[in-house]
């Protein structure tokens, strides 16, 4: 949404410190950084998706504004060259928001993932073959869960709990791949990639939706990927 008379532009002040060091004959690089960011005029939508089907829907009426702060640190180890190359990292982040109009003090931002681990590795087997892997782990993102739901004069009424007071389950994924590449006469490099996305078949949650029953009870259920594992094959080239 663009800024306007009722929606002031968001801005922030950032402070960060980064350090990097090569070791092991320059084969490895260790990088660490810390940061703190102060945020102003942060915007949140305090309504629900049902507001868009209401006869009189005023977007500005459902917008709330406040302040926030993000802070954390990360560390990364990178192997620069050799048959085995890649990197692994860990980051810890807090993203807090404070909106006085919500009346609940500080709450986590919708994109907050306190813990996140990433690892990428490639192992070369001769001149033509290589195998690779990607591993991702992250804390679940916050969401606002409904506390009560009912019908009044054929209108659906929802009472939500604390803003961003619940979290999705942690996200975890392991990808595997095999590459075969060769040099051609016209192209600098040709290759075929065979990969398996989410090789462990973990069922990761994307978001929640509200499900109602005929007896008036309700529950919020997670939406997940249609396929837990996804194989693929592709051709690539370099000019």
Protein backbone atom coordinates (compact mmCIF):
# COMPACT_ATOMS: atom_id res chain seq x y z
CA UNK A 1 0.00 0.00 0.00
CA UNK A 2 1.26 3.45 -0.86
CA UNK A 3 1.59 6.17 1.78
CA UNK A 4 -1.11 8.81 2.10
CA UNK A 5 -2.53 11.38 4.51
CA UNK A 6 -3.76 8.54 6.73
CA UNK A 7 -0.82 6.17 6.09
CA UNK A 8 2.52 7.88 6.82
CA UNK A 9 5.63 6.35 5.16
CA UNK A 10 7.55 3.78 7.16
CA UNK A 11 11.22 4.38 7.97
CA UNK A 12 13.93 3.10 10.25
CA UNK A 13 17.46 3.51 11.60
CA UNK A 14 19.92 0.63 11.28
CA UNK A 15 23.16 -0.08 13.17
CA UNK A 16 25.28 -3.11 12.27
CA UNK A 17 28.78 -4.50 12.80
CA UNK A 18 30.34 -7.18 10.57
CA UNK A 19 33.63 -9.08 10.91
CA UNK A 20 35.20 -11.59 8.52
CA UNK A 21 38.31 -13.77 8.80
CA UNK A 22 40.04 -16.18 6.40
CA UNK A 23 41.91 -19.19 7.81
CA UNK A 24 43.15 -22.65 6.88
CA UNK A 25 45.23 -21.40 3.96
CA UNK A 26 42.38 -19.16 2.82
CA UNK A 27 40.19 -22.20 2.23
CA UNK A 28 37.69 -21.16 4.92
CA UNK A 29 36.01 -17.86 5.72
CA UNK A 30 34.20 -17.14 9.00
CA UNK A 31 31.81 -14.20 9.02
CA UNK A 32 29.80 -12.81 11.92
CA UNK A 33 27.56 -9.79 12.27
CA UNK A 34 25.16 -8.19 14.73
CA UNK A 35 22.50 -5.60 14.00
CA UNK A 36 19.88 -3.39 15.60
CA UNK A 37 17.12 -1.62 13.68
CA UNK A 38 14.63 0.89 15.08
CA UNK A 39 11.43 1.16 13.04
CA UNK A 40 8.78 3.89 12.87
CA UNK A 41 5.26 4.17 11.41
CA UNK A 42 4.91 0.41 11.08
CA UNK A 43 1.56 -0.68 9.63
CA UNK A 44 -0.62 -3.70 10.39
CA UNK A 45 -4.07 -4.77 9.20
CA UNK A 46 -6.22 -5.53 12.26
CA UNK A 47 -9.26 -7.03 10.48
CA UNK A 48 -9.88 -10.34 8.72
CA UNK A 49 -10.47 -11.55 5.18
CA UNK A 50 -14.23 -11.33 5.79
CA UNK A 51 -13.97 -7.53 5.85
CA UNK A 52 -13.49 -7.52 2.08
CA UNK A 53 -16.98 -8.95 1.48
CA UNK A 54 -18.71 -6.51 3.81
CA UNK A 55 -21.06 -3.96 2.28
CA UNK A 56 -19.11 -1.06 3.74
CA UNK A 57 -15.41 -1.79 3.89
CA UNK A 58 -12.99 0.98 4.75
CA UNK A 59 -9.39 -0.19 4.53
CA UNK A 60 -8.02 2.78 6.45
CA UNK A 61 -10.38 2.07 9.33
CA UNK A 62 -8.80 -1.36 9.87
CA UNK A 63 -5.17 -0.15 9.62
CA UNK A 64 -3.20 0.37 12.84
CA UNK A 65 0.20 2.01 13.18
CA UNK A 66 2.99 1.74 15.69
CA UNK A 67 6.71 1.26 16.16
CA UNK A 68 9.09 -1.65 16.23
CA UNK A 69 12.62 -2.94 16.61
CA UNK A 70 14.60 -5.75 15.02
CA UNK A 71 17.83 -7.11 16.45
CA UNK A 72 19.94 -10.21 16.25
CA UNK A 73 23.16 -11.81 15.05
CA UNK A 74 24.33 -14.33 12.47
CA UNK A 75 27.42 -16.44 11.88
CA UNK A 76 28.50 -18.13 8.65
CA UNK A 77 31.27 -20.59 7.78
CA UNK A 78 32.20 -20.78 4.10
CA UNK A 79 34.50 -23.31 2.41
CA UNK A 80 35.83 -21.40 -0.56
CA UNK A 81 37.42 -24.03 -2.82
CA UNK A 82 38.26 -27.71 -3.15
CA UNK A 83 36.21 -30.75 -4.12
CA UNK A 84 33.79 -29.95 -1.30
CA UNK A 85 32.53 -26.36 -1.31
CA UNK A 86 29.60 -24.63 0.36
CA UNK A 87 28.56 -22.76 3.46
CA UNK A 88 26.50 -23.09 6.62
CA UNK A 89 24.98 -20.34 8.74
CA UNK A 90 22.93 -19.72 11.86
CA UNK A 91 20.99 -16.58 12.68
CA UNK A 92 19.00 -15.43 15.69
CA UNK A 93 16.55 -12.59 15.20
CA UNK A 94 13.87 -10.82 17.22
CA UNK A 95 11.33 -8.59 15.43
CA UNK A 96 9.10 -6.85 17.97
CA UNK A 97 6.20 -4.49 17.28
CA UNK A 98 4.27 -2.20 19.62
CA UNK A 99 0.88 -0.84 18.55
CA UNK A 100 -0.87 1.05 21.33
CA UNK A 101 -4.26 0.79 19.57
CA UNK A 102 -4.17 -3.02 19.87
CA UNK A 103 -3.84 -2.77 23.64
CA UNK A 104 -1.57 -5.78 24.16
CA UNK A 105 1.91 -4.31 24.45
CA UNK A 106 4.73 -5.88 22.42
CA UNK A 107 4.09 -8.69 19.93
CA UNK A 108 6.23 -10.46 17.27
CA UNK A 109 6.14 -9.25 13.66
CA UNK A 110 4.45 -11.52 11.10
CA UNK A 111 7.78 -12.40 9.41
CA UNK A 112 9.76 -13.16 12.58
CA UNK A 113 11.75 -16.39 12.59
CA UNK A 114 13.89 -16.38 15.78
CA UNK A 115 16.09 -19.31 14.74
CA UNK A 116 17.23 -20.11 11.21
CA UNK A 117 19.83 -22.59 9.98
CA UNK A 118 20.93 -22.85 6.33
CA UNK A 119 23.51 -25.15 4.77
CA UNK A 120 24.57 -25.60 1.13
CA UNK A 121 27.20 -28.10 -0.04
CA UNK A 122 28.51 -29.31 -3.39
CA UNK A 123 30.94 -32.18 -3.91
CA UNK A 124 32.72 -32.52 -7.27
CA UNK A 125 33.34 -36.06 -8.58
CA UNK A 126 35.79 -35.71 -11.43
CA UNK A 127 35.29 -33.18 -14.21
CA UNK A 128 31.71 -34.05 -15.11
CA UNK A 129 29.78 -35.17 -12.03
CA UNK A 130 28.83 -33.34 -8.85
CA UNK A 131 26.31 -33.86 -6.08
CA UNK A 132 24.69 -31.16 -3.97
CA UNK A 133 22.46 -30.68 -0.98
CA UNK A 134 20.54 -27.83 0.64
CA UNK A 135 19.26 -27.89 4.22
CA UNK A 136 16.91 -25.30 5.71
CA UNK A 137 15.49 -25.06 9.23
CA UNK A 138 13.52 -22.10 10.56
CA UNK A 139 11.21 -21.30 13.45
CA UNK A 140 7.55 -21.03 12.53
CA UNK A 141 6.16 -17.58 11.73
CA UNK A 142 3.52 -15.96 14.00
CA UNK A 143 -0.17 -15.75 13.15
CA UNK A 144 -3.33 -14.50 14.87
CA UNK A 145 -5.59 -17.39 15.86
CA UNK A 146 -9.39 -16.98 16.29
CA UNK A 147 -10.80 -17.43 19.79
CA UNK A 148 -14.56 -17.33 19.05
CA UNK A 149 -16.69 -17.61 15.94
CA UNK A 150 -20.45 -17.34 15.51
CA UNK A 151 -23.40 -16.23 13.37
CA UNK A 152 -25.50 -13.14 14.12
CA UNK A 153 -28.27 -12.15 11.70
CA UNK A 154 -26.58 -14.34 9.06
CA UNK A 155 -23.31 -12.46 9.54
CA UNK A 156 -20.13 -14.28 10.54
CA UNK A 157 -18.54 -12.76 13.62
CA UNK A 158 -14.97 -13.65 14.62
CA UNK A 159 -13.22 -12.75 17.84
CA UNK A 160 -9.46 -13.17 17.53
CA UNK A 161 -6.97 -13.91 20.27
CA UNK A 162 -3.74 -11.96 20.88
CA UNK A 163 -2.29 -10.46 17.71
CA UNK A 164 0.38 -12.85 16.37
CA UNK A 165 0.00 -14.82 19.57
CA UNK A 166 0.36 -18.25 17.89
CA UNK A 167 3.02 -19.77 15.66
CA UNK A 168 3.21 -22.23 12.79
CA UNK A 169 5.31 -25.33 13.37
CA UNK A 170 9.03 -25.06 12.49
CA UNK A 171 9.91 -25.30 8.80
CA UNK A 172 12.50 -27.88 7.73
CA UNK A 173 13.57 -29.05 4.27
CA UNK A 174 16.38 -31.13 2.72
CA UNK A 175 17.02 -30.97 -1.05
CA UNK A 176 19.30 -33.35 -2.99
CA UNK A 177 20.66 -32.99 -6.52
CA UNK A 178 23.01 -34.60 -9.03
CA UNK A 179 24.65 -32.70 -11.91
CA UNK A 180 26.35 -33.94 -15.05
CA UNK A 181 28.05 -31.30 -17.19
CA UNK A 182 30.20 -31.24 -20.31
CA UNK A 183 31.80 -28.77 -22.67
CA UNK A 184 30.40 -28.31 -26.15
CA UNK A 185 31.60 -26.79 -29.38
CA UNK A 186 29.06 -23.96 -29.49
CA UNK A 187 28.33 -23.55 -25.79
CA UNK A 188 30.83 -22.99 -23.01
CA UNK A 189 29.13 -25.57 -20.78
CA UNK A 190 26.15 -27.92 -20.93
CA UNK A 191 24.58 -29.81 -18.06
CA UNK A 192 21.72 -31.93 -16.78
CA UNK A 193 20.40 -31.58 -13.24
CA UNK A 194 18.33 -34.20 -11.42
CA UNK A 195 17.01 -33.05 -8.05
CA UNK A 196 14.62 -34.02 -5.28
CA UNK A 197 12.93 -31.16 -3.39
CA UNK A 198 12.15 -31.93 0.28
CA UNK A 199 13.76 -35.36 0.18
CA UNK A 200 12.66 -36.22 3.74
CA UNK A 201 8.99 -35.69 2.82
CA UNK A 202 8.37 -33.33 5.73
CA UNK A 203 4.90 -31.75 5.65
CA UNK A 204 5.57 -28.05 6.23
CA UNK A 205 2.78 -25.64 7.14
CA UNK A 206 2.23 -22.55 4.98
CA UNK A 207 -0.65 -20.84 6.80
CA UNK A 208 -3.93 -21.59 8.61
CA UNK A 209 -7.56 -21.34 7.57
CA UNK A 210 -10.80 -21.52 9.60
CA UNK A 211 -12.92 -24.67 9.23
CA UNK A 212 -16.49 -24.77 10.57
CA UNK A 213 -18.81 -27.73 11.27
CA UNK A 214 -22.58 -28.13 11.14
CA UNK A 215 -22.85 -28.15 14.94
CA UNK A 216 -21.34 -24.64 15.12
CA UNK A 217 -17.89 -25.68 16.30
CA UNK A 218 -14.80 -24.51 14.44
CA UNK A 219 -11.08 -25.06 14.21
CA UNK A 220 -8.17 -23.48 12.38
CA UNK A 221 -6.32 -25.97 10.20
CA UNK A 222 -2.94 -25.72 8.48
CA UNK A 223 -2.54 -25.47 4.70
CA UNK A 224 0.41 -27.48 3.36
CA UNK A 225 2.08 -28.23 0.05
CA UNK A 226 0.11 -30.58 -2.23
CA UNK A 227 3.23 -32.72 -2.77
CA UNK A 228 5.65 -33.27 0.10
CA UNK A 229 8.43 -34.39 -2.28
CA UNK A 230 8.98 -32.95 -5.74
CA UNK A 231 11.44 -34.58 -8.21
CA UNK A 232 12.65 -32.61 -11.24
CA UNK A 233 15.05 -32.84 -14.17
CA UNK A 234 16.42 -29.87 -16.08
CA UNK A 235 18.95 -28.90 -18.73
CA UNK A 236 21.23 -25.87 -18.37
CA UNK A 237 23.90 -24.22 -20.48
CA UNK A 238 26.42 -21.39 -20.31
CA UNK A 239 27.40 -19.18 -23.25
